[in-house]
Amino acid sequence: MSLDVGRLRVLVEVARAGSIAAAAQRMSFTPSALSQQLAKLEREAGGQLLERHPHGVRLTRAGRVLVEHGERVLGELRDAEDAVRAALGERPQKLSIGAFPSAAQIFVPGVLAALRRDHPGVELLLLDLEPPRGYGLVSARELDLLITHRYPGVPLPSARGLRRVRLLTDPLALVLPADHPVARAERVTLGDLAGEEWISGQRGVADRVCLERLAEQAGVRLHVAYETHDYEVSMALVGAGVGVTFVPSSVVRAGLPPGAVAREVHGVGPAREIYLVHRRRPPALVGEVIALLREAVARAQQSSVDS
């Protein structure tokens, strides 16, 4: 078996885009040209890699295996390019970071400002990525660093060939209207919230999976009346007196809207875990970014204690 790297790149792009047409647009090729490349790659691999359907494509088992390896191959090629540039005396010109929205809002801006000040010649890129997306981009070296999370009850993706370290354990807090009877209780349990209208993500989204798991453990019938993945929207609804929600403590520390309060729920121990993911031989700047992120987390936690 001899696989063409250019065709591997096509397969990776199609897998990310979800369709040949979308990948062709991103790569500035025609769909027929990409289809021909994929057909040649399937002949090289000796089997079907994609299943076509009216709305796009789906990877076969062999296709998923090849994409995972293909991303690592592309990453190694970029490592080789960087090593050659370094040998020629060139300095890195770009640093790319992927982060989920609340991390990008709370922790990343100060880090990027410090990098811009200390490394004015480096182009900084930030990509908004909802977990579990982003691991393949790190493998392929399209991202230098990924800031991602895992909610209780949601499995961690494979990090084969990568390094994943925990940045923060982020306990969940109940956010509810300030005039809610439970807001003034000495102790709050999930059972106290039976019959409430909850605000959470759609079914299958990480925070919804976690909420359903907690409700099942507490024997509470759950009614999700408002679905949103945006914490700012969730807390705005709570501030208006509409529903209750669980929000990570880091989001609460960033500020609650008027009319909303946060309470700890007795017996709800799980916390969202925030991770940093990078290649095993990352650019030197990644270590600096990690140090800055740890400082930002420590400042946020100390500010919470002082207040």
Protein backbone atom coordinates (compact mmCIF):
# COMPACT_ATOMS: atom_id res chain seq x y z
CA MET A 1 0.00 0.00 0.00
CA SER A 2 1.38 3.42 -1.01
CA LEU A 3 -0.69 6.45 0.01
CA ASP A 4 -0.41 9.87 -1.56
CA VAL A 5 -0.07 12.69 1.02
CA GLY A 6 -2.01 15.15 -1.12
CA ARG A 7 -4.96 12.74 -1.28
CA LEU A 8 -4.71 12.19 2.48
CA ARG A 9 -5.11 15.94 2.86
CA VAL A 10 -8.24 15.82 0.69
CA LEU A 11 -9.75 13.05 2.84
CA VAL A 12 -9.04 15.00 6.03
CA GLU A 13 -10.66 18.15 4.61
CA VAL A 14 -13.74 16.23 3.41
CA ALA A 15 -14.09 14.59 6.83
CA ARG A 16 -14.01 18.00 8.54
CA ALA A 17 -16.34 19.70 6.07
CA GLY A 18 -18.86 16.84 6.05
CA SER A 19 -19.31 16.91 2.28
CA ILE A 20 -17.23 16.87 -0.87
CA ALA A 21 -18.82 20.09 -2.14
CA ALA A 22 -18.00 22.00 1.06
CA ALA A 23 -14.43 20.70 1.10
CA ALA A 24 -13.98 21.60 -2.57
CA GLN A 25 -15.06 25.17 -1.84
CA ARG A 26 -12.62 25.43 1.07
CA MET A 27 -9.74 24.02 -1.01
CA SER A 28 -10.61 25.99 -4.18
CA PHE A 29 -11.14 22.83 -6.27
CA THR A 30 -14.14 21.49 -8.13
CA PRO A 31 -16.17 18.72 -6.44
CA SER A 32 -15.43 16.40 -9.36
CA ALA A 33 -11.67 16.93 -8.93
CA LEU A 34 -11.89 16.02 -5.25
CA SER A 35 -14.08 13.00 -6.02
CA GLN A 36 -11.43 11.75 -8.43
CA GLN A 37 -8.71 12.17 -5.79
CA LEU A 38 -10.81 10.29 -3.23
CA ALA A 39 -11.48 7.47 -5.68
CA LYS A 40 -7.73 7.12 -6.28
CA LEU A 41 -7.08 7.15 -2.52
CA GLU A 42 -9.66 4.38 -2.02
CA ARG A 43 -7.88 2.31 -4.68
CA GLU A 44 -4.56 2.95 -2.92
CA ALA A 45 -6.05 2.01 0.45
CA GLY A 46 -7.77 -1.06 -0.97
CA GLY A 47 -11.24 -0.32 0.35
CA GLN A 48 -14.11 2.15 0.76
CA LEU A 49 -13.31 5.19 2.91
CA LEU A 50 -16.51 7.22 2.49
CA GLU A 51 -20.22 6.50 2.30
CA ARG A 52 -22.06 9.00 0.12
CA HIS A 53 -25.56 10.14 1.08
CA PRO A 54 -27.83 12.99 -0.16
CA HIS A 55 -26.63 15.46 2.50
CA GLY A 56 -22.90 14.74 2.40
CA VAL A 57 -20.55 11.92 3.31
CA ARG A 58 -19.89 9.66 6.27
CA LEU A 59 -16.56 8.00 7.02
CA THR A 60 -16.37 4.22 7.05
CA ARG A 61 -14.41 2.53 9.83
CA ALA A 62 -11.37 2.39 7.55
CA GLY A 63 -11.91 6.06 6.68
CA ARG A 64 -11.94 7.09 10.34
CA VAL A 65 -8.69 5.20 10.95
CA LEU A 66 -7.04 6.80 7.92
CA VAL A 67 -8.20 10.32 8.87
CA GLU A 68 -6.74 9.92 12.36
CA HIS A 69 -3.40 8.82 10.93
CA GLY A 70 -3.61 11.39 8.13
CA GLU A 71 -3.92 14.24 10.60
CA ARG A 72 -0.78 13.08 12.37
CA VAL A 73 1.07 12.74 9.06
CA LEU A 74 0.14 16.30 8.09
CA GLY A 75 1.29 17.48 11.51
CA GLU A 76 4.65 15.76 11.09
CA LEU A 77 5.12 17.42 7.69
CA ARG A 78 4.47 20.83 9.25
CA ASP A 79 6.95 19.97 12.01
CA ALA A 80 9.51 19.18 9.31
CA GLU A 81 8.83 22.49 7.55
CA ASP A 82 9.28 24.38 10.83
CA ALA A 83 12.50 22.50 11.61
CA VAL A 84 13.95 23.43 8.22
CA ARG A 85 12.97 27.09 8.69
CA ALA A 86 14.58 27.08 12.15
CA ALA A 87 17.78 25.58 10.67
CA LEU A 88 17.79 28.44 8.16
CA GLY A 89 17.49 30.94 11.01
CA GLU A 90 13.83 31.86 10.51
CA ARG A 91 11.64 32.50 13.55
CA PRO A 92 8.04 31.27 13.97
CA GLN A 93 5.63 33.76 12.45
CA LYS A 94 2.29 32.38 13.63
CA LEU A 95 0.64 30.94 16.73
CA SER A 96 -2.87 29.48 16.51
CA ILE A 97 -5.13 28.77 19.48
CA GLY A 98 -8.53 27.05 19.54
CA ALA A 99 -10.86 27.66 22.49
CA PHE A 100 -14.47 27.16 23.47
CA PRO A 101 -16.42 30.45 23.78
CA SER A 102 -16.42 31.03 27.56
CA ALA A 103 -12.69 30.29 27.80
CA ALA A 104 -12.08 32.63 24.86
CA GLN A 105 -14.06 35.31 26.70
CA ILE A 106 -12.65 34.88 30.21
CA PHE A 107 -9.05 33.66 29.96
CA VAL A 108 -7.75 34.22 26.43
CA PRO A 109 -7.95 38.02 25.82
CA GLY A 110 -5.32 38.90 28.44
CA VAL A 111 -3.05 36.13 27.18
CA LEU A 112 -3.25 37.36 23.58
CA ALA A 113 -2.61 40.94 24.72
CA ALA A 114 0.54 39.83 26.57
CA LEU A 115 1.76 37.85 23.54
CA ARG A 116 1.15 40.77 21.21
CA ARG A 117 3.15 43.00 23.54
CA ASP A 118 6.08 40.59 23.99
CA HIS A 119 6.12 39.08 20.46
CA PRO A 120 4.90 41.81 18.08
CA GLY A 121 6.19 39.95 15.02
CA VAL A 122 4.08 36.83 15.62
CA GLU A 123 0.68 36.54 13.94
CA LEU A 124 -1.89 35.38 16.50
CA LEU A 125 -4.92 33.35 15.43
CA LEU A 126 -7.92 32.37 17.59
CA LEU A 127 -10.50 29.81 16.48
CA ASP A 128 -13.87 29.32 18.23
CA LEU A 129 -14.37 25.56 18.78
CA GLU A 130 -17.05 23.78 20.79
CA PRO A 131 -15.79 20.55 22.39
CA PRO A 132 -15.05 17.87 21.42
CA ARG A 133 -13.90 19.51 18.18
CA GLY A 134 -10.29 20.52 17.69
CA TYR A 135 -8.20 17.44 18.50
CA GLY A 136 -7.62 16.62 14.84
CA LEU A 137 -6.60 20.21 14.13
CA VAL A 138 -3.90 19.92 16.80
CA SER A 139 -2.71 16.59 15.34
CA ALA A 140 -2.45 18.22 11.91
CA ARG A 141 -0.64 21.26 13.39
CA GLU A 142 -3.37 23.61 12.18
CA LEU A 143 -3.71 24.51 15.86
CA ASP A 144 -0.76 24.92 18.19
CA LEU A 145 -2.90 24.78 21.33
CA LEU A 146 -6.47 23.72 22.09
CA ILE A 147 -8.42 24.83 25.17
CA THR A 148 -11.25 22.36 25.60
CA HIS A 149 -13.48 20.93 28.31
CA ARG A 150 -15.23 17.80 29.48
CA TYR A 151 -18.49 17.69 31.46
CA PRO A 152 -19.26 14.87 33.92
CA GLY A 153 -20.77 11.90 32.12
CA VAL A 154 -19.18 12.84 28.78
CA PRO A 155 -16.19 10.71 27.66
CA LEU A 156 -12.90 12.35 26.73
CA PRO A 157 -11.90 12.04 23.06
CA SER A 158 -8.78 10.10 22.15
CA ALA A 159 -5.61 12.18 22.50
CA ARG A 160 -3.30 9.69 20.79
CA GLY A 161 -0.04 11.36 19.81
CA LEU A 162 -0.96 14.49 21.78
CA ARG A 163 -0.43 15.76 25.29
CA ARG A 164 -3.51 16.69 27.34
CA VAL A 165 -3.11 18.45 30.71
CA ARG A 166 -5.78 19.73 33.08
CA LEU A 167 -5.85 23.50 33.44
CA LEU A 168 -8.80 23.90 35.79
CA THR A 169 -11.48 22.03 37.69
CA ASP A 170 -14.56 24.19 37.32
CA PRO A 171 -17.43 23.34 39.76
CA LEU A 172 -20.99 23.83 38.60
CA ALA A 173 -23.13 26.50 40.26
CA LEU A 174 -26.90 26.90 40.22
CA VAL A 175 -27.99 30.26 38.80
CA LEU A 176 -31.57 31.30 39.59
CA PRO A 177 -33.66 34.46 39.95
CA ALA A 178 -32.84 36.47 43.07
CA ASP A 179 -36.50 36.44 44.18
CA HIS A 180 -36.81 32.66 43.83
CA PRO A 181 -37.76 31.02 47.18
CA VAL A 182 -34.86 28.56 46.88
CA ALA A 183 -32.41 31.47 46.56
CA ARG A 184 -32.90 32.27 50.26
CA ALA A 185 -32.77 28.67 51.55
CA GLU A 186 -29.94 27.71 53.90
CA ARG A 187 -29.25 24.57 51.88
CA VAL A 188 -30.25 23.80 48.31
CA THR A 189 -30.66 20.32 46.86
CA LEU A 190 -31.63 19.25 43.38
CA GLY A 191 -34.87 17.91 44.85
CA ASP A 192 -35.82 21.49 45.80
CA LEU A 193 -35.91 22.27 42.08
CA ALA A 194 -38.39 19.59 41.02
CA GLY A 195 -40.88 21.07 38.57
CA GLU A 196 -38.63 23.99 37.61
CA GLU A 197 -38.18 25.14 34.04
CA TRP A 198 -34.53 24.54 33.19
CA ILE A 199 -32.27 26.26 30.68
CA SER A 200 -29.71 24.00 29.03
CA GLY A 201 -28.21 22.90 25.73
CA GLN A 202 -29.91 20.64 23.24
CA ARG A 203 -30.04 16.87 23.73
CA GLY A 204 -26.62 15.32 23.30
CA VAL A 205 -24.78 18.56 24.11
CA ALA A 206 -22.32 18.19 27.01
CA ASP A 207 -24.06 20.42 29.58
CA ARG A 208 -27.42 18.76 28.83
CA VAL A 209 -25.92 15.27 29.22
CA CYS A 210 -24.51 16.33 32.58
CA LEU A 211 -27.81 17.87 33.75
CA GLU A 212 -29.80 14.79 32.76
CA ARG A 213 -27.32 12.57 34.60
CA LEU A 214 -27.56 14.68 37.78
CA ALA A 215 -31.36 14.71 37.64
CA GLU A 216 -31.47 10.93 37.18
CA GLN A 217 -29.16 10.40 40.16
CA ALA A 218 -31.32 12.68 42.31
CA GLY A 219 -34.58 11.08 41.12
CA VAL A 220 -35.82 14.43 39.82
CA ARG A 221 -38.01 14.73 36.74
CA LEU A 222 -36.31 17.19 34.43
CA HIS A 223 -38.13 19.76 32.31
CA VAL A 224 -35.86 21.69 29.93
CA ALA A 225 -38.01 24.52 28.61
CA TYR A 226 -35.33 26.69 27.01
CA GLU A 227 -32.48 25.33 24.91
CA THR A 228 -29.33 27.37 24.30
CA HIS A 229 -25.59 26.64 24.27
CA ASP A 230 -24.75 30.27 25.14
CA TYR A 231 -24.14 30.93 28.86
CA GLU A 232 -24.79 34.66 28.43
CA VAL A 233 -28.22 33.89 27.00
CA SER A 234 -28.88 31.41 29.83
CA MET A 235 -28.01 33.93 32.52
CA ALA A 236 -29.96 36.72 30.79
CA LEU A 237 -33.04 34.49 30.87
CA VAL A 238 -32.48 33.79 34.57
CA GLY A 239 -32.04 37.51 35.26
CA ALA A 240 -35.39 38.13 33.58
CA GLY A 241 -36.99 35.58 35.92
CA VAL A 242 -37.25 32.85 33.30
CA GLY A 243 -35.97 29.43 34.41
CA VAL A 244 -32.92 28.15 36.31
CA THR A 245 -29.63 26.75 35.04
CA PHE A 246 -26.29 25.23 35.96
CA VAL A 247 -23.28 27.33 34.94
CA PRO A 248 -19.55 26.67 35.53
CA SER A 249 -18.08 28.72 38.37
CA SER A 250 -15.60 30.47 36.07
CA VAL A 251 -18.54 31.93 34.14
CA VAL A 252 -20.22 33.01 37.37
CA ARG A 253 -17.01 34.74 38.52
CA ALA A 254 -16.99 36.72 35.29
CA GLY A 255 -20.25 38.35 36.40
CA LEU A 256 -23.94 37.65 36.93
CA PRO A 257 -26.70 39.75 35.36
CA PRO A 258 -28.94 41.89 37.58
CA GLY A 259 -31.73 39.81 39.07
CA ALA A 260 -29.73 36.58 39.21
CA VAL A 261 -27.88 34.86 42.05
CA ALA A 262 -25.64 31.79 42.20
CA ARG A 263 -25.93 29.03 44.79
CA GLU A 264 -24.06 25.85 45.54
CA VAL A 265 -26.25 22.76 45.30
CA HIS A 266 -25.72 20.19 48.06
CA GLY A 267 -24.79 16.78 46.70
CA VAL A 268 -23.84 18.07 43.25
CA GLY A 269 -20.13 17.36 43.26
CA PRO A 270 -19.27 17.02 39.56
CA ALA A 271 -17.34 19.80 37.90
CA ARG A 272 -16.45 20.70 34.36
CA GLU A 273 -12.79 19.98 33.63
CA ILE A 274 -10.85 22.34 31.37
CA TYR A 275 -7.91 20.87 29.46
CA LEU A 276 -5.05 22.10 27.33
CA VAL A 277 -4.15 19.92 24.34
CA HIS A 278 -0.99 20.29 22.25
CA ARG A 279 1.49 18.21 20.32
CA ARG A 280 4.28 16.46 22.20
CA ARG A 281 6.87 18.75 20.61
CA PRO A 282 5.04 22.09 20.53
CA PRO A 283 6.53 25.42 19.47
CA ALA A 284 8.34 27.23 22.30
CA LEU A 285 5.62 29.88 22.45
CA VAL A 286 3.06 27.27 23.52
CA GLY A 287 4.86 26.88 26.85
CA GLU A 288 4.63 30.63 27.36
CA VAL A 289 0.91 30.60 26.55
CA ILE A 290 0.31 27.78 29.04
CA ALA A 291 2.13 29.73 31.77
CA LEU A 292 0.05 32.84 31.01
CA LEU A 293 -3.17 30.81 31.11
CA ARG A 294 -2.26 29.31 34.49
CA GLU A 295 -1.57 32.82 35.82
CA ALA A 296 -4.95 34.02 34.49
CA VAL A 297 -6.74 31.12 36.20
CA ALA A 298 -4.91 31.76 39.49
CA ARG A 299 -5.84 35.47 39.39
CA ALA A 300 -9.49 34.66 38.72
CA GLN A 301 -9.63 32.18 41.59
CA GLN A 302 -7.84 34.55 43.99
CA SER A 303 -10.22 37.38 43.04
CA SER A 304 -13.14 35.07 43.87
CA VAL A 305 -11.64 34.26 47.29
CA ASP A 306 -10.94 37.94 48.07
CA SER A 307 -14.47 38.97 47.15
